[in-house]
């Protein structure tokens, strides 16, 4: 019988973990946290009062993406279908939580698990070197739990932001690379784009990037850009208390706008709805969208992501931020499925609901320089 794990299973879970793994073990303390506080669910296979194996699924707040974080079968019970049953139950659990994608990592040398996942319809994504404590590589796999959904995905490479305040440049880089394959994604470009597009101040710390600065940076690199904002005033300014900082932010934005108005960059003071955003993608555009991070990370700060695809119910996005403290990896941030109704709610920032979208396209009339 497969059931939800409880704290009463803690001793059995730790015992199985110690028998199955020499490194990268989940500690008793971490098991307790994952069972009681994390955005996770743990299943156990029990027969005649004996726990034969477990599986643990992590969920990504605000998205329809789940991750099979760990699974193990006690050695005496291997080869009896326990692992296969736990994986299937994990998939059903993810679907019950409205997740349509399940991802996982497995050691490159774990042939039994790789065979199991391939046999269950998991698709190989990539190899990750030096993933485990003993420096072994991992293989990443993914399974679409709703095969009737066939997302239209653009070929947008993933780039992880390297600083807390460079989500805008990182998202812009991914969109540009998706349109022009010879662009090299590296930290030098990330910081150059940040310098070009920063609003100088944010609520605290280093400056963030607004739509006008990002639009200029993209235009100067030869891309056609459209800017959609629902507010003609200075963006992000309401969250800054210092009058001098607010004045500087306003001057910087006005300077960006003066430059944009002299260029063939379309600026539209209205918001794009989901249908319009999808139309832009069907026409070859790649959207870079401002969201509130609250629905993803329960913290309120402006955050940029890039939309990589869509289907009937979902938008798929690359998020440049990897929340390592919450146990996330880069694979949790690639092509994340987000229900369109949820996406529409998160694609705004601040008390005034500021909305901003950049649409990047290949240039039809200009040479890149």
Protein backbone atom coordinates (compact mmCIF):
# COMPACT_ATOMS: atom_id res chain seq x y z
CA UNK A 1 0.00 0.00 0.00
CA UNK A 2 1.24 3.46 -0.86
CA UNK A 3 0.24 6.25 1.51
CA UNK A 4 1.33 9.69 2.69
CA UNK A 5 4.26 9.65 5.09
CA UNK A 6 3.96 11.03 8.62
CA UNK A 7 6.42 11.87 11.37
CA UNK A 8 5.82 8.38 12.74
CA UNK A 9 7.71 7.10 9.67
CA UNK A 10 10.81 9.17 10.40
CA UNK A 11 12.94 6.30 11.77
CA UNK A 12 12.09 4.09 8.79
CA UNK A 13 12.85 6.85 6.30
CA UNK A 14 16.25 7.56 7.84
CA UNK A 15 17.04 3.84 7.94
CA UNK A 16 16.23 3.40 4.24
CA UNK A 17 18.21 6.52 3.37
CA UNK A 18 21.30 5.21 5.18
CA UNK A 19 21.04 1.81 3.49
CA UNK A 20 20.57 3.20 0.00
CA UNK A 21 23.02 6.11 -0.20
CA UNK A 22 26.67 6.60 0.71
CA UNK A 23 26.61 10.36 0.02
CA UNK A 24 24.00 13.12 -0.40
CA UNK A 25 21.85 11.59 2.32
CA UNK A 26 18.79 13.42 3.61
CA UNK A 27 19.38 13.94 7.34
CA UNK A 28 16.81 13.26 10.05
CA UNK A 29 16.47 17.02 10.53
CA UNK A 30 15.85 17.59 6.81
CA UNK A 31 13.34 14.74 6.66
CA UNK A 32 11.46 16.36 9.54
CA UNK A 33 11.46 19.72 7.77
CA UNK A 34 10.35 18.19 4.45
CA UNK A 35 7.54 16.31 6.19
CA UNK A 36 6.23 19.28 8.18
CA UNK A 37 7.16 22.64 6.65
CA UNK A 38 8.38 22.38 3.07
CA UNK A 39 6.21 22.73 -0.02
CA UNK A 40 6.58 19.00 -0.52
CA UNK A 41 4.87 15.64 -0.17
CA UNK A 42 6.38 12.29 0.81
CA UNK A 43 4.89 8.87 -0.01
CA UNK A 44 5.82 5.51 1.48
CA UNK A 45 5.23 1.97 0.28
CA UNK A 46 4.14 -0.13 3.28
CA UNK A 47 3.45 -3.88 3.40
CA UNK A 48 2.51 -5.73 6.61
CA UNK A 49 3.70 -2.76 8.68
CA UNK A 50 7.11 -2.57 6.95
CA UNK A 51 8.16 0.56 5.01
CA UNK A 52 9.75 -0.78 1.82
CA UNK A 53 10.53 2.54 0.08
CA UNK A 54 9.65 6.19 -0.24
CA UNK A 55 9.38 8.99 -2.78
CA UNK A 56 9.43 12.75 -2.18
CA UNK A 57 7.99 15.41 -4.49
CA UNK A 58 8.77 19.12 -4.27
CA UNK A 59 6.36 21.73 -5.63
CA UNK A 60 7.25 25.13 -7.06
CA UNK A 61 4.94 27.84 -5.70
CA UNK A 62 2.94 29.65 -8.35
CA UNK A 63 3.74 27.14 -11.09
CA UNK A 64 2.47 23.78 -12.32
CA UNK A 65 5.91 22.21 -12.08
CA UNK A 66 6.89 19.44 -9.64
CA UNK A 67 10.21 17.74 -8.97
CA UNK A 68 10.85 14.18 -7.83
CA UNK A 69 13.40 15.25 -5.25
CA UNK A 70 14.28 11.81 -3.91
CA UNK A 71 13.15 8.19 -3.98
CA UNK A 72 14.61 5.02 -2.57
CA UNK A 73 13.71 1.36 -2.19
CA UNK A 74 15.10 -0.65 0.72
CA UNK A 75 17.59 -3.18 -0.81
CA UNK A 76 15.71 -6.36 0.32
CA UNK A 77 12.62 -5.23 -1.63
CA UNK A 78 14.20 -4.22 -4.91
CA UNK A 79 13.10 -5.90 -8.11
CA UNK A 80 9.52 -6.27 -6.84
CA UNK A 81 8.01 -3.22 -8.58
CA UNK A 82 8.16 -0.99 -5.49
CA UNK A 83 10.12 1.78 -7.22
CA UNK A 84 7.85 1.77 -10.27
CA UNK A 85 4.76 2.00 -8.07
CA UNK A 86 6.22 4.89 -6.07
CA UNK A 87 7.10 6.83 -9.23
CA UNK A 88 3.59 6.30 -10.63
CA UNK A 89 2.04 7.40 -7.32
CA UNK A 90 4.27 10.49 -7.35
CA UNK A 91 3.03 11.36 -10.83
CA UNK A 92 -0.60 10.96 -9.71
CA UNK A 93 0.11 13.14 -6.67
CA UNK A 94 1.65 15.85 -8.86
CA UNK A 95 -1.38 15.79 -11.16
CA UNK A 96 -3.68 16.09 -8.16
CA UNK A 97 -1.76 19.27 -7.28
CA UNK A 98 -2.41 20.60 -10.83
CA UNK A 99 1.18 19.99 -11.95
CA UNK A 100 1.64 19.00 -15.58
CA UNK A 101 5.42 18.50 -15.56
CA UNK A 102 7.56 16.32 -13.30
CA UNK A 103 11.36 16.62 -13.38
CA UNK A 104 14.17 14.78 -11.63
CA UNK A 105 17.91 14.16 -11.44
CA UNK A 106 19.55 10.74 -11.28
CA UNK A 107 23.19 9.66 -11.00
CA UNK A 108 24.75 8.88 -14.37
CA UNK A 109 25.94 5.52 -13.04
CA UNK A 110 22.55 4.48 -11.61
CA UNK A 111 21.55 2.31 -14.54
CA UNK A 112 18.59 0.69 -12.76
CA UNK A 113 16.90 4.03 -12.03
CA UNK A 114 17.65 5.39 -15.49
CA UNK A 115 16.07 2.29 -17.05
CA UNK A 116 13.03 2.67 -14.79
CA UNK A 117 12.50 6.35 -15.70
CA UNK A 118 13.03 5.79 -19.40
CA UNK A 119 10.57 2.92 -19.25
CA UNK A 120 8.03 5.23 -17.58
CA UNK A 121 8.26 7.76 -20.42
CA UNK A 122 10.72 10.30 -18.99
CA UNK A 123 12.64 12.39 -21.52
CA UNK A 124 16.34 13.11 -21.10
CA UNK A 125 17.08 16.83 -20.76
CA UNK A 126 20.78 17.28 -20.00
CA UNK A 127 23.84 16.09 -18.15
CA UNK A 128 24.97 18.06 -15.08
CA UNK A 129 28.64 17.55 -14.16
CA UNK A 130 29.85 17.51 -10.54
CA UNK A 131 26.29 17.41 -9.20
CA UNK A 132 26.73 15.10 -6.20
CA UNK A 133 28.98 15.33 -3.15
CA UNK A 134 31.35 12.74 -4.61
CA UNK A 135 31.52 14.81 -7.85
CA UNK A 136 29.46 12.32 -9.85
CA UNK A 137 27.40 13.69 -12.73
CA UNK A 138 23.61 13.76 -12.82
CA UNK A 139 21.24 13.23 -15.70
CA UNK A 140 18.09 15.35 -15.77
CA UNK A 141 14.80 13.92 -17.01
CA UNK A 142 11.31 15.30 -17.50
CA UNK A 143 7.86 13.83 -18.04
CA UNK A 144 4.79 15.63 -19.36
CA UNK A 145 1.97 14.43 -17.13
CA UNK A 146 -0.69 15.87 -19.44
CA UNK A 147 0.26 14.48 -22.88
CA UNK A 148 -2.83 16.01 -24.48
CA UNK A 149 -1.15 19.41 -24.00
CA UNK A 150 1.32 20.13 -26.77
CA UNK A 151 3.11 23.38 -25.92
CA UNK A 152 4.46 25.65 -28.63
CA UNK A 153 7.94 26.26 -27.26
CA UNK A 154 10.47 28.70 -28.68
CA UNK A 155 14.12 27.64 -28.62
CA UNK A 156 15.18 29.92 -25.79
CA UNK A 157 18.42 28.90 -24.05
CA UNK A 158 18.50 29.26 -20.27
CA UNK A 159 20.76 31.70 -18.40
CA UNK A 160 20.83 31.99 -14.62
CA UNK A 161 21.26 35.48 -13.18
CA UNK A 162 24.47 35.74 -11.16
CA UNK A 163 23.42 38.67 -8.95
CA UNK A 164 20.25 39.44 -7.03
CA UNK A 165 19.53 42.52 -9.15
CA UNK A 166 20.20 41.25 -12.69
CA UNK A 167 16.97 39.38 -13.50
CA UNK A 168 16.19 41.94 -16.22
CA UNK A 169 19.49 41.61 -18.09
CA UNK A 170 19.43 37.80 -17.70
CA UNK A 171 15.89 37.60 -19.14
CA UNK A 172 16.81 39.95 -21.96
CA UNK A 173 19.87 37.84 -22.75
CA UNK A 174 17.77 34.68 -23.02
CA UNK A 175 15.31 36.38 -25.38
CA UNK A 176 18.11 37.77 -27.55
CA UNK A 177 19.85 34.39 -27.70
CA UNK A 178 16.57 32.78 -28.73
CA UNK A 179 16.43 35.13 -31.71
CA UNK A 180 20.15 35.30 -32.53
CA UNK A 181 22.07 32.11 -31.79
CA UNK A 182 25.58 33.60 -32.05
CA UNK A 183 25.12 35.81 -28.97
CA UNK A 184 27.38 34.59 -26.15
CA UNK A 185 25.68 34.44 -22.76
CA UNK A 186 28.16 35.38 -20.06
CA UNK A 187 28.53 37.54 -17.01
CA UNK A 188 30.26 40.34 -18.91
CA UNK A 189 27.18 40.82 -21.10
CA UNK A 190 24.90 40.49 -18.06
CA UNK A 191 26.66 43.33 -16.24
CA UNK A 192 26.96 45.48 -19.36
CA UNK A 193 23.22 45.24 -19.92
CA UNK A 194 22.60 46.06 -16.27
CA UNK A 195 24.77 49.19 -16.49
CA UNK A 196 22.93 50.30 -19.61
CA UNK A 197 19.41 49.73 -18.32
CA UNK A 198 19.45 50.25 -14.54
CA UNK A 199 17.08 52.73 -12.93
CA UNK A 200 19.91 53.54 -10.45
CA UNK A 201 17.86 52.93 -7.27
CA UNK A 202 15.48 50.29 -6.05
CA UNK A 203 13.83 49.80 -2.66
CA UNK A 204 17.29 49.01 -1.28
CA UNK A 205 20.70 48.04 -2.55
CA UNK A 206 21.66 48.09 -6.21
CA UNK A 207 19.45 49.48 -8.93
CA UNK A 208 16.99 47.36 -10.84
CA UNK A 209 16.19 47.51 -14.52
CA UNK A 210 13.04 49.04 -15.98
CA UNK A 211 11.44 48.38 -19.36
CA UNK A 212 12.76 51.51 -21.08
CA UNK A 213 16.41 50.86 -20.29
CA UNK A 214 16.08 47.21 -21.30
CA UNK A 215 14.34 48.24 -24.53
CA UNK A 216 17.20 50.60 -25.39
CA UNK A 217 19.80 47.92 -24.68
CA UNK A 218 18.00 45.48 -26.99
CA UNK A 219 17.50 48.07 -29.74
CA UNK A 220 21.17 49.05 -29.71
CA UNK A 221 22.01 45.38 -30.30
CA UNK A 222 19.91 45.27 -33.43
CA UNK A 223 16.58 43.89 -32.25
CA UNK A 224 13.12 45.26 -32.97
CA UNK A 225 11.43 46.07 -29.66
CA UNK A 226 7.91 46.91 -28.55
CA UNK A 227 7.23 48.23 -25.04
CA UNK A 228 3.86 47.81 -23.31
CA UNK A 229 3.28 49.56 -19.99
CA UNK A 230 -0.01 50.40 -18.31
CA UNK A 231 1.36 53.42 -16.44
CA UNK A 232 2.87 56.54 -18.00
CA UNK A 233 4.43 57.54 -14.67
CA UNK A 234 7.78 56.52 -13.24
CA UNK A 235 7.88 52.77 -12.61
CA UNK A 236 8.81 51.29 -9.21
CA UNK A 237 8.86 54.75 -7.65
CA UNK A 238 6.03 54.20 -5.16
CA UNK A 239 8.12 51.65 -3.23
CA UNK A 240 11.00 54.10 -2.70
CA UNK A 241 10.62 56.41 0.29
CA UNK A 242 13.68 58.64 -0.11
CA UNK A 243 12.63 61.79 -2.07
CA UNK A 244 16.07 62.21 -3.63
CA UNK A 245 16.15 58.62 -4.85
CA UNK A 246 12.67 59.04 -6.31
CA UNK A 247 13.74 62.17 -8.16
CA UNK A 248 16.81 60.45 -9.57
CA UNK A 249 14.73 57.48 -10.74
CA UNK A 250 12.27 59.80 -12.45
CA UNK A 251 15.05 61.71 -14.24
CA UNK A 252 16.68 58.48 -15.42
CA UNK A 253 13.37 57.18 -16.78
CA UNK A 254 12.65 60.47 -18.56
CA UNK A 255 16.10 60.31 -20.14
CA UNK A 256 15.46 56.75 -21.36
CA UNK A 257 12.11 57.84 -22.78
CA UNK A 258 13.59 60.86 -24.57
CA UNK A 259 16.06 58.58 -26.31
CA UNK A 260 13.42 55.98 -27.18
CA UNK A 261 11.09 58.56 -28.71
CA UNK A 262 13.80 59.44 -31.24
CA UNK A 263 14.05 55.79 -32.28
CA UNK A 264 11.69 53.41 -34.11
CA UNK A 265 10.68 51.70 -30.86
CA UNK A 266 6.96 51.21 -30.35
CA UNK A 267 5.73 52.30 -26.89
CA UNK A 268 2.14 51.45 -26.03
CA UNK A 269 0.53 52.62 -22.79
CA UNK A 270 -1.74 49.64 -22.22
CA UNK A 271 -1.45 46.10 -20.88
CA UNK A 272 -1.31 42.95 -22.97
CA UNK A 273 -3.80 40.23 -22.03
CA UNK A 274 -3.01 36.53 -22.38
CA UNK A 275 -4.55 36.25 -25.84
CA UNK A 276 -2.58 39.24 -27.12
CA UNK A 277 0.64 37.92 -25.60
CA UNK A 278 0.09 34.60 -27.33
CA UNK A 279 -0.52 36.38 -30.65
CA UNK A 280 2.79 38.22 -30.29
CA UNK A 281 4.55 34.88 -29.84
CA UNK A 282 2.78 33.37 -32.83
CA UNK A 283 4.16 36.29 -34.86
CA UNK A 284 7.74 35.45 -33.81
CA UNK A 285 8.11 37.71 -30.76
CA UNK A 286 9.66 36.64 -27.47
CA UNK A 287 8.14 38.40 -24.43
CA UNK A 288 10.15 39.60 -21.46
CA UNK A 289 7.62 40.20 -18.68
CA UNK A 290 7.67 42.02 -15.36
CA UNK A 291 6.08 40.05 -12.54
CA UNK A 292 5.71 40.30 -8.80
CA UNK A 293 7.89 37.67 -7.19
CA UNK A 294 5.40 37.13 -4.39
CA UNK A 295 3.52 34.25 -6.01
CA UNK A 296 6.78 32.42 -6.70
CA UNK A 297 8.92 33.29 -3.67
CA UNK A 298 6.56 34.95 -1.14
CA UNK A 299 8.66 38.12 -1.27
CA UNK A 300 7.49 41.33 -2.88
CA UNK A 301 10.02 42.64 -5.37
CA UNK A 302 9.84 43.34 -9.12
CA UNK A 303 11.16 40.46 -11.16
CA UNK A 304 11.71 39.83 -14.88
CA UNK A 305 11.15 36.50 -16.62
CA UNK A 306 11.04 35.43 -20.28
CA UNK A 307 8.05 33.59 -21.79
CA UNK A 308 9.17 30.58 -23.82
CA UNK A 309 5.91 29.03 -24.97
CA UNK A 310 2.22 28.34 -24.45
CA UNK A 311 -0.51 25.79 -24.84
CA UNK A 312 -4.23 25.80 -24.25
CA UNK A 313 -3.98 26.34 -20.50
CA UNK A 314 -0.41 27.37 -19.66
CA UNK A 315 2.36 29.82 -20.37
CA UNK A 316 5.89 28.42 -20.06
CA UNK A 317 8.64 30.65 -18.69
CA UNK A 318 12.36 30.72 -17.94
CA UNK A 319 12.99 32.26 -14.53
CA UNK A 320 16.61 33.47 -14.23
CA UNK A 321 16.54 33.23 -10.43
CA UNK A 322 17.33 29.85 -8.83
CA UNK A 323 16.13 29.63 -5.23
CA UNK A 324 18.86 27.36 -3.88
CA UNK A 325 17.92 27.85 -0.18
CA UNK A 326 14.55 26.21 -0.96
CA UNK A 327 16.21 23.20 -2.58
CA UNK A 328 15.67 24.37 -6.16
CA UNK A 329 18.03 23.79 -9.06
CA UNK A 330 18.22 25.35 -12.51
CA UNK A 331 16.07 22.55 -13.88
CA UNK A 332 13.18 23.86 -11.73
CA UNK A 333 13.39 27.22 -13.50
CA UNK A 334 13.35 26.16 -17.15
CA UNK A 335 10.10 26.20 -19.14
CA UNK A 336 8.07 26.40 -15.94
CA UNK A 337 4.36 25.87 -16.71
CA UNK A 338 2.11 28.55 -15.18
CA UNK A 339 -1.66 28.53 -15.56
CA UNK A 340 -2.71 31.49 -17.68
CA UNK A 341 -5.07 32.79 -15.01
CA UNK A 342 -2.23 32.68 -12.46
CA UNK A 343 0.18 34.27 -14.92
CA UNK A 344 -2.20 37.16 -15.45
CA UNK A 345 -2.34 37.75 -11.69
CA UNK A 346 1.43 37.68 -11.18
CA UNK A 347 2.29 39.83 -14.24
CA UNK A 348 1.97 43.06 -12.26
CA UNK A 349 3.93 44.77 -9.53
CA UNK A 350 3.22 47.01 -6.58
CA UNK A 351 0.11 48.49 -5.03
CA UNK A 352 -0.78 50.25 -8.29
CA UNK A 353 -0.52 47.02 -10.32
CA UNK A 354 2.16 48.26 -12.73
CA UNK A 355 2.44 46.05 -15.80
CA UNK A 356 5.26 45.93 -18.31
CA UNK A 357 6.12 43.68 -21.25
CA UNK A 358 8.88 43.89 -23.85
CA UNK A 359 8.39 42.05 -27.15
CA UNK A 360 11.67 41.28 -28.92
CA UNK A 361 11.87 40.29 -32.58
CA UNK A 362 14.54 39.80 -35.17
CA UNK A 363 15.21 43.04 -36.98
CA UNK A 364 13.87 43.19 -40.52
CA UNK A 365 15.52 46.43 -41.54
CA UNK A 366 18.66 47.08 -39.50
CA UNK A 367 22.11 45.60 -39.30
CA UNK A 368 23.36 44.62 -35.89
CA UNK A 369 26.34 46.46 -34.52
